[in-house]
PDB file of N, CA and C in Angstrom:
ATOM      1  N   UNK A   1     -45.939  17.888  19.409  1.00  0.00           N
ATOM      2  CA  UNK A   1     -47.213  16.712  18.935  1.00  0.00           C
ATOM      3  C   UNK A   1     -47.772  17.060  17.978  1.00  0.00           C
ATOM      4  N   UNK A   2     -48.970  17.267  18.345  1.00  0.00           N
ATOM      5  CA  UNK A   2     -50.026  18.063  17.241  1.00  0.00           C
ATOM      6  C   UNK A   2     -50.184  19.090  16.980  1.00  0.00           C
ATOM      7  N   UNK A   3     -49.673  20.076  17.823  1.00  0.00           N
ATOM      8  CA  UNK A   3     -49.681  21.502  17.729  1.00  0.00           C
ATOM      9  C   UNK A   3     -50.900  21.942  18.726  1.00  0.00           C
ATOM     10  N   UNK A   4     -50.832  21.064  19.701  1.00  0.00           N
ATOM     11  CA  UNK A   4     -51.940  21.427  20.752  1.00  0.00           C
ATOM     12  C   UNK A   4     -51.154  22.195  21.643  1.00  0.00           C
ATOM     13  N   UNK A   5     -52.003  23.593  21.841  1.00  0.00           N
ATOM     14  CA  UNK A   5     -51.202  23.947  22.997  1.00  0.00           C
ATOM     15  C   UNK A   5     -52.325  24.381  24.426  1.00  0.00           C
ATOM     16  N   UNK A   6     -52.379  24.981  25.422  1.00  0.00           N
ATOM     17  CA  UNK A   6     -53.074  24.814  26.543  1.00  0.00           C
ATOM     18  C   UNK A   6     -54.487  25.167  26.010  1.00  0.00           C
ATOM     19  N   UNK A   7     -54.558  26.057  25.398  1.00  0.00           N
ATOM     20  CA  UNK A   7     -56.080  26.909  25.132  1.00  0.00           C
ATOM     21  C   UNK A   7     -56.933  25.332  24.054  1.00  0.00           C
ATOM     22  N   UNK A   8     -56.199  24.615  23.533  1.00  0.00           N
ATOM     23  CA  UNK A   8     -57.042  23.905  22.231  1.00  0.00           C
ATOM     24  C   UNK A   8     -57.146  22.878  24.013  1.00  0.00           C
ATOM     25  N   UNK A   9     -55.757  22.221  24.307  1.00  0.00           N
ATOM     26  CA  UNK A   9     -56.059  21.088  25.577  1.00  0.00           C
ATOM     27  C   UNK A   9     -57.533  21.367  26.151  1.00  0.00           C
ATOM     28  N   UNK A  10     -57.686  22.702  26.692  1.00  0.00           N
ATOM     29  CA  UNK A  10     -58.525  23.008  27.785  1.00  0.00           C
ATOM     30  C   UNK A  10     -59.693  23.191  26.883  1.00  0.00           C
ATOM     31  N   UNK A  11     -59.755  23.365  25.535  1.00  0.00           N
ATOM     32  CA  UNK A  11     -61.436  23.353  25.083  1.00  0.00           C
ATOM     33  C   UNK A  11     -61.802  22.035  25.046  1.00  0.00           C
ATOM     34  N   UNK A  12     -61.051  20.958  25.095  1.00  0.00           N
ATOM     35  CA  UNK A  12     -60.799  19.705  24.282  1.00  0.00           C
ATOM     36  C   UNK A  12     -61.739  19.054  25.642  1.00  0.00           C
ATOM     37  N   UNK A  13     -60.942  19.323  26.813  1.00  0.00           N
ATOM     38  CA  UNK A  13     -61.637  18.905  28.681  1.00  0.00           C
ATOM     39  C   UNK A  13     -63.163  19.053  28.348  1.00  0.00           C
ATOM     40  N   UNK A  14     -63.411  20.856  28.277  1.00  0.00           N
ATOM     41  CA  UNK A  14     -64.474  21.258  28.276  1.00  0.00           C
ATOM     42  C   UNK A  14     -65.393  20.423  27.257  1.00  0.00           C
ATOM     43  N   UNK A  15     -65.131  20.176  26.366  1.00  0.00           N
ATOM     44  CA  UNK A  15     -66.154  19.368  25.933  1.00  0.00           C
ATOM     45  C   UNK A  15     -66.233  18.411  25.860  1.00  0.00           C
ATOM     46  N   UNK A  16     -65.776  17.075  26.351  1.00  0.00           N
ATOM     47  CA  UNK A  16     -65.669  15.990  26.891  1.00  0.00           C
ATOM     48  C   UNK A  16     -66.154  15.887  28.138  1.00  0.00           C
ATOM     49  N   UNK A  17     -66.209  16.706  28.930  1.00  0.00           N
ATOM     50  CA  UNK A  17     -67.066  17.243  30.124  1.00  0.00           C
ATOM     51  C   UNK A  17     -68.255  17.709  29.954  1.00  0.00           C
ATOM     52  N   UNK A  18     -68.546  18.067  29.107  1.00  0.00           N
ATOM     53  CA  UNK A  18     -70.332  18.128  28.235  1.00  0.00           C
ATOM     54  C   UNK A  18     -70.903  17.018  27.988  1.00  0.00           C
ATOM     55  N   UNK A  19     -69.834  16.725  27.312  1.00  0.00           N
ATOM     56  CA  UNK A  19     -70.080  14.829  26.582  1.00  0.00           C
ATOM     57  C   UNK A  19     -70.678  13.947  27.652  1.00  0.00           C
ATOM     58  N   UNK A  20     -69.321  13.767  28.252  1.00  0.00           N
ATOM     59  CA  UNK A  20     -69.609  12.521  29.097  1.00  0.00           C
ATOM     60  C   UNK A  20     -70.207  12.836  30.602  1.00  0.00           C
ATOM     61  N   UNK A  21     -70.410  13.786  30.827  1.00  0.00           N
ATOM     62  CA  UNK A  21     -70.699  14.399  32.491  1.00  0.00           C
ATOM     63  C   UNK A  21     -69.129  14.027  33.527  1.00  0.00           C
ATOM     64  N   UNK A  22     -69.281  14.433  34.544  1.00  0.00           N
ATOM     65  CA  UNK A  22     -68.332  14.532  35.621  1.00  0.00           C
ATOM     66  C   UNK A  22     -68.307  13.113  36.214  1.00  0.00           C
ATOM     67  N   UNK A  23     -69.023  12.447  36.424  1.00  0.00           N
ATOM     68  CA  UNK A  23     -69.111  11.124  36.674  1.00  0.00           C
ATOM     69  C   UNK A  23     -68.361  10.542  35.732  1.00  0.00           C
ATOM     70  N   UNK A  24     -68.072  10.415  34.399  1.00  0.00           N
ATOM     71  CA  UNK A  24     -67.721   9.099  33.658  1.00  0.00           C
ATOM     72  C   UNK A  24     -66.514   9.332  33.216  1.00  0.00           C
ATOM     73  N   UNK A  25     -66.031  10.987  33.440  1.00  0.00           N
ATOM     74  CA  UNK A  25     -64.833  11.118  33.024  1.00  0.00           C
ATOM     75  C   UNK A  25     -63.659  10.313  33.631  1.00  0.00           C
ATOM     76  N   UNK A  26     -63.603  10.608  35.249  1.00  0.00           N
ATOM     77  CA  UNK A  26     -62.640   9.786  36.137  1.00  0.00           C
ATOM     78  C   UNK A  26     -62.386   8.513  35.130  1.00  0.00           C
ATOM     79  N   UNK A  27     -63.526   7.253  34.770  1.00  0.00           N
ATOM     80  CA  UNK A  27     -63.642   6.024  34.250  1.00  0.00           C
ATOM     81  C   UNK A  27     -62.820   6.341  33.017  1.00  0.00           C
ATOM     82  N   UNK A  28     -63.123   7.103  32.105  1.00  0.00           N
ATOM     83  CA  UNK A  28     -62.723   6.957  30.278  1.00  0.00           C
ATOM     84  C   UNK A  28     -61.267   7.610  30.662  1.00  0.00           C
ATOM     85  N   UNK A  29     -60.720   8.338  31.942  1.00  0.00           N
ATOM     86  CA  UNK A  29     -59.321   8.677  31.874  1.00  0.00           C
ATOM     87  C   UNK A  29     -58.705   7.338  32.030  1.00  0.00           C
ATOM     88  N   UNK A  30     -59.083   6.784  33.052  1.00  0.00           N
ATOM     89  CA  UNK A  30     -58.043   5.556  33.629  1.00  0.00           C
ATOM     90  C   UNK A  30     -58.574   4.888  32.759  1.00  0.00           C
ATOM     91  N   UNK A  31     -59.620   4.205  31.549  1.00  0.00           N
ATOM     92  CA  UNK A  31     -59.653   3.328  30.522  1.00  0.00           C
ATOM     93  C   UNK A  31     -58.530   3.957  29.701  1.00  0.00           C
ATOM     94  N   UNK A  32     -58.155   5.121  29.455  1.00  0.00           N
ATOM     95  CA  UNK A  32     -57.443   5.514  28.306  1.00  0.00           C
ATOM     96  C   UNK A  32     -56.087   5.460  28.789  1.00  0.00           C
ATOM     97  N   UNK A  33     -55.840   5.511  29.799  1.00  0.00           N
ATOM     98  CA  UNK A  33     -54.113   5.624  30.454  1.00  0.00           C
ATOM     99  C   UNK A  33     -54.070   3.882  30.454  1.00  0.00           C
ATOM    100  N   UNK A  34     -54.933   2.821  30.701  1.00  0.00           N
ATOM    101  CA  UNK A  34     -54.654   1.379  30.962  1.00  0.00           C
ATOM    102  C   UNK A  34     -54.676   1.190  29.634  1.00  0.00           C
ATOM    103  N   UNK A  35     -55.198   1.438  28.307  1.00  0.00           N
ATOM    104  CA  UNK A  35     -54.512   1.411  27.267  1.00  0.00           C
ATOM    105  C   UNK A  35     -53.344   1.721  26.860  1.00  0.00           C
ATOM    106  N   UNK A  36     -53.335   2.701  26.863  1.00  0.00           N
ATOM    107  CA  UNK A  36     -51.976   3.941  26.692  1.00  0.00           C
ATOM    108  C   UNK A  36     -50.689   2.624  27.091  1.00  0.00           C
ATOM    109  N   UNK A  37     -50.730   2.375  28.722  1.00  0.00           N
ATOM    110  CA  UNK A  37     -50.136   1.902  29.388  1.00  0.00           C
ATOM    111  C   UNK A  37     -49.940   0.064  28.335  1.00  0.00           C
ATOM    112  N   UNK A  38     -50.652  -0.470  28.499  1.00  0.00           N
ATOM    113  CA  UNK A  38     -50.508  -1.705  27.658  1.00  0.00           C
ATOM    114  C   UNK A  38     -49.857  -2.173  26.178  1.00  0.00           C
ATOM    115  N   UNK A  39     -50.389  -0.812  25.607  1.00  0.00           N
ATOM    116  CA  UNK A  39     -49.968  -0.179  24.004  1.00  0.00           C
ATOM    117  C   UNK A  39     -48.078  -0.293  24.117  1.00  0.00           C
ATOM    118  N   UNK A  40     -47.796   0.646  25.186  1.00  0.00           N
ATOM    119  CA  UNK A  40     -46.640   0.507  25.113  1.00  0.00           C
ATOM    120  C   UNK A  40     -45.904  -0.517  26.125  1.00  0.00           C
ATOM    121  N   UNK A  41     -46.662  -1.246  26.614  1.00  0.00           N
ATOM    122  CA  UNK A  41     -45.585  -2.935  26.861  1.00  0.00           C
ATOM    123  C   UNK A  41     -45.519  -3.240  25.902  1.00  0.00           C
ATOM    124  N   UNK A  42     -46.794  -3.843  25.120  1.00  0.00           N
ATOM    125  CA  UNK A  42     -46.451  -4.587  23.964  1.00  0.00           C
ATOM    126  C   UNK A  42     -45.592  -4.089  22.779  1.00  0.00           C
ATOM    127  N   UNK A  43     -45.254  -2.711  22.592  1.00  0.00           N
ATOM    128  CA  UNK A  43     -44.089  -2.238  21.966  1.00  0.00           C
ATOM    129  C   UNK A  43     -43.349  -2.501  22.533  1.00  0.00           C
ATOM    130  N   UNK A  44     -42.987  -2.476  23.306  1.00  0.00           N
ATOM    131  CA  UNK A  44     -41.192  -2.730  24.244  1.00  0.00           C
ATOM    132  C   UNK A  44     -41.337  -4.027  24.303  1.00  0.00           C
ATOM    133  N   UNK A  45     -42.113  -5.260  24.358  1.00  0.00           N
ATOM    134  CA  UNK A  45     -41.975  -6.733  24.295  1.00  0.00           C
ATOM    135  C   UNK A  45     -41.878  -7.071  23.361  1.00  0.00           C
ATOM    136  N   UNK A  46     -42.527  -6.459  21.958  1.00  0.00           N
ATOM    137  CA  UNK A  46     -41.970  -6.591  20.684  1.00  0.00           C
ATOM    138  C   UNK A  46     -40.474  -6.428  20.216  1.00  0.00           C
ATOM    139  N   UNK A  47     -40.224  -4.788  20.851  1.00  0.00           N
ATOM    140  CA  UNK A  47     -38.676  -4.541  20.643  1.00  0.00           C
ATOM    141  C   UNK A  47     -37.330  -5.616  21.370  1.00  0.00           C
ATOM    142  N   UNK A  48     -38.069  -5.983  22.398  1.00  0.00           N
ATOM    143  CA  UNK A  48     -36.924  -7.219  23.065  1.00  0.00           C
ATOM    144  C   UNK A  48     -36.940  -8.605  22.439  1.00  0.00           C
ATOM    145  N   UNK A  49     -38.350  -9.033  21.594  1.00  0.00           N
ATOM    146  CA  UNK A  49     -38.150  -9.899  21.561  1.00  0.00           C
ATOM    147  C   UNK A  49     -37.068  -9.766  20.105  1.00  0.00           C
ATOM    148  N   UNK A  50     -36.931  -8.579  19.275  1.00  0.00           N
ATOM    149  CA  UNK A  50     -36.294  -8.500  17.884  1.00  0.00           C
ATOM    150  C   UNK A  50     -34.628  -8.871  18.649  1.00  0.00           C
ATOM    151  N   UNK A  51     -34.226  -7.908  19.499  1.00  0.00           N
ATOM    152  CA  UNK A  51     -33.388  -7.885  20.418  1.00  0.00           C
ATOM    153  C   UNK A  51     -32.782  -9.685  20.848  1.00  0.00           C
ATOM    154  N   UNK A  52     -33.814 -10.475  21.129  1.00  0.00           N
ATOM    155  CA  UNK A  52     -33.144 -11.411  21.781  1.00  0.00           C
ATOM    156  C   UNK A  52     -32.920 -12.377  20.467  1.00  0.00           C
ATOM    157  N   UNK A  53     -33.852 -12.231  19.189  1.00  0.00           N
ATOM    158  CA  UNK A  53     -33.583 -12.863  17.962  1.00  0.00           C
ATOM    159  C   UNK A  53     -32.550 -12.531  17.535  1.00  0.00           C
ATOM    160  N   UNK A  54     -31.987 -10.939  17.285  1.00  0.00           N
ATOM    161  CA  UNK A  54     -30.813 -10.881  16.925  1.00  0.00           C
ATOM    162  C   UNK A  54     -29.641 -11.284  17.650  1.00  0.00           C
ATOM    163  N   UNK A  55     -29.450 -11.317  19.304  1.00  0.00           N
ATOM    164  CA  UNK A  55     -28.634 -11.586  19.756  1.00  0.00           C
ATOM    165  C   UNK A  55     -28.358 -13.467  19.774  1.00  0.00           C
ATOM    166  N   UNK A  56     -29.263 -14.150  18.977  1.00  0.00           N
ATOM    167  CA  UNK A  56     -29.633 -15.724  19.302  1.00  0.00           C
ATOM    168  C   UNK A  56     -28.676 -15.880  17.736  1.00  0.00           C
ATOM    169  N   UNK A  57     -29.044 -15.031  16.830  1.00  0.00           N
ATOM    170  CA  UNK A  57     -28.550 -15.491  15.412  1.00  0.00           C
ATOM    171  C   UNK A  57     -27.521 -14.551  15.192  1.00  0.00           C
ATOM    172  N   UNK A  58     -27.051 -13.685  15.924  1.00  0.00           N
ATOM    173  CA  UNK A  58     -25.543 -13.274  15.825  1.00  0.00           C
ATOM    174  C   UNK A  58     -24.579 -14.597  16.705  1.00  0.00           C
ATOM    175  N   UNK A  59     -24.996 -14.964  17.814  1.00  0.00           N
ATOM    176  CA  UNK A  59     -24.530 -16.188  18.636  1.00  0.00           C
ATOM    177  C   UNK A  59     -24.207 -17.176  17.780  1.00  0.00           C
ATOM    178  N   UNK A  60     -25.497 -17.583  17.229  1.00  0.00           N
ATOM    179  CA  UNK A  60     -25.247 -19.072  16.078  1.00  0.00           C
ATOM    180  C   UNK A  60     -24.189 -18.391  15.347  1.00  0.00           C
ATOM    181  N   UNK A  61     -24.056 -17.352  14.235  1.00  0.00           N
ATOM    182  CA  UNK A  61     -22.915 -17.106  13.670  1.00  0.00           C
ATOM    183  C   UNK A  61     -21.555 -17.139  14.167  1.00  0.00           C
ATOM    184  N   UNK A  62     -21.445 -16.917  15.608  1.00  0.00           N
ATOM    185  CA  UNK A  62     -19.962 -16.812  15.678  1.00  0.00           C
ATOM    186  C   UNK A  62     -19.460 -18.296  15.475  1.00  0.00           C
ATOM    187  N   UNK A  63     -20.070 -19.001  15.639  1.00  0.00           N
ATOM    188  CA  UNK A  63     -19.093 -20.461  15.514  1.00  0.00           C
ATOM    189  C   UNK A  63     -18.364 -20.552  14.150  1.00  0.00           C
ATOM    190  N   UNK A  64     -19.216 -20.321  13.167  1.00  0.00           N
ATOM    191  CA  UNK A  64     -19.107 -20.523  11.991  1.00  0.00           C
ATOM    192  C   UNK A  64     -17.932 -19.687  11.304  1.00  0.00           C
ATOM    193  N   UNK A  65     -18.036 -18.358  11.993  1.00  0.00           N
ATOM    194  CA  UNK A  65     -17.263 -17.303  11.818  1.00  0.00           C
ATOM    195  C   UNK A  65     -15.877 -17.549  12.190  1.00  0.00           C
ATOM    196  N   UNK A  66     -16.391 -18.301  13.214  1.00  0.00           N
ATOM    197  CA  UNK A  66     -14.383 -18.688  13.880  1.00  0.00           C
ATOM    198  C   UNK A  66     -14.174 -19.475  13.240  1.00  0.00           C
ATOM    199  N   UNK A  67     -14.887 -20.611  12.590  1.00  0.00           N
ATOM    200  CA  UNK A  67     -14.477 -22.066  12.196  1.00  0.00           C
ATOM    201  C   UNK A  67     -13.470 -21.659  10.405  1.00  0.00           C
ATOM    202  N   UNK A  68     -13.854 -20.322  10.196  1.00  0.00           N
ATOM    203  CA  UNK A  68     -13.716 -19.806   8.860  1.00  0.00           C
ATOM    204  C   UNK A  68     -12.521 -19.320   8.983  1.00  0.00           C
ATOM    205  N   UNK A  69     -12.593 -18.649  10.123  1.00  0.00           N
ATOM    206  CA  UNK A  69     -11.304 -17.900  10.205  1.00  0.00           C
ATOM    207  C   UNK A  69      -9.929 -18.823   9.950  1.00  0.00           C
ATOM    208  N   UNK A  70     -10.152 -20.307  11.385  1.00  0.00           N
ATOM    209  CA  UNK A  70      -8.965 -21.557  11.224  1.00  0.00           C
ATOM    210  C   UNK A  70      -8.727 -21.676   9.933  1.00  0.00           C
ATOM    211  N   UNK A  71      -9.822 -22.156   9.336  1.00  0.00           N
ATOM    212  CA  UNK A  71      -9.386 -22.494   7.892  1.00  0.00           C
ATOM    213  C   UNK A  71      -8.471 -21.404   7.016  1.00  0.00           C
ATOM    214  N   UNK A  72      -8.659 -20.286   7.190  1.00  0.00           N
ATOM    215  CA  UNK A  72      -7.552 -19.611   6.608  1.00  0.00           C
ATOM    216  C   UNK A  72      -6.631 -19.527   6.922  1.00  0.00           C
ATOM    217  N   UNK A  73      -6.620 -19.757   8.085  1.00  0.00           N
ATOM    218  CA  UNK A  73      -5.031 -19.796   8.900  1.00  0.00           C
ATOM    219  C   UNK A  73      -4.031 -21.029   8.456  1.00  0.00           C
TER     220      UNK A  73
END
C-alpha cells in the first residue's frame, strides 16, 4: 500500500495516542471508519449508475441494430 509495516503503524498509533489521548481515540476511529464506509458506498453507487446507463444505452441501440439488419436482408 504505502510501504507501511507493523513498526511504522505502531509508531503512528502511539503518536495518535499521545496527541489525542485515550478517551478520544475510539471516537476518532469510529468517525474514520464511518467516513471510509460512506466513501466506499458512494464509489460503488457511482459505478452501479454507470452500469445502469451503459445497459440502457445498449438496450436502446438493439432495436436500431435489428432494424438495420433486417433492412440489409
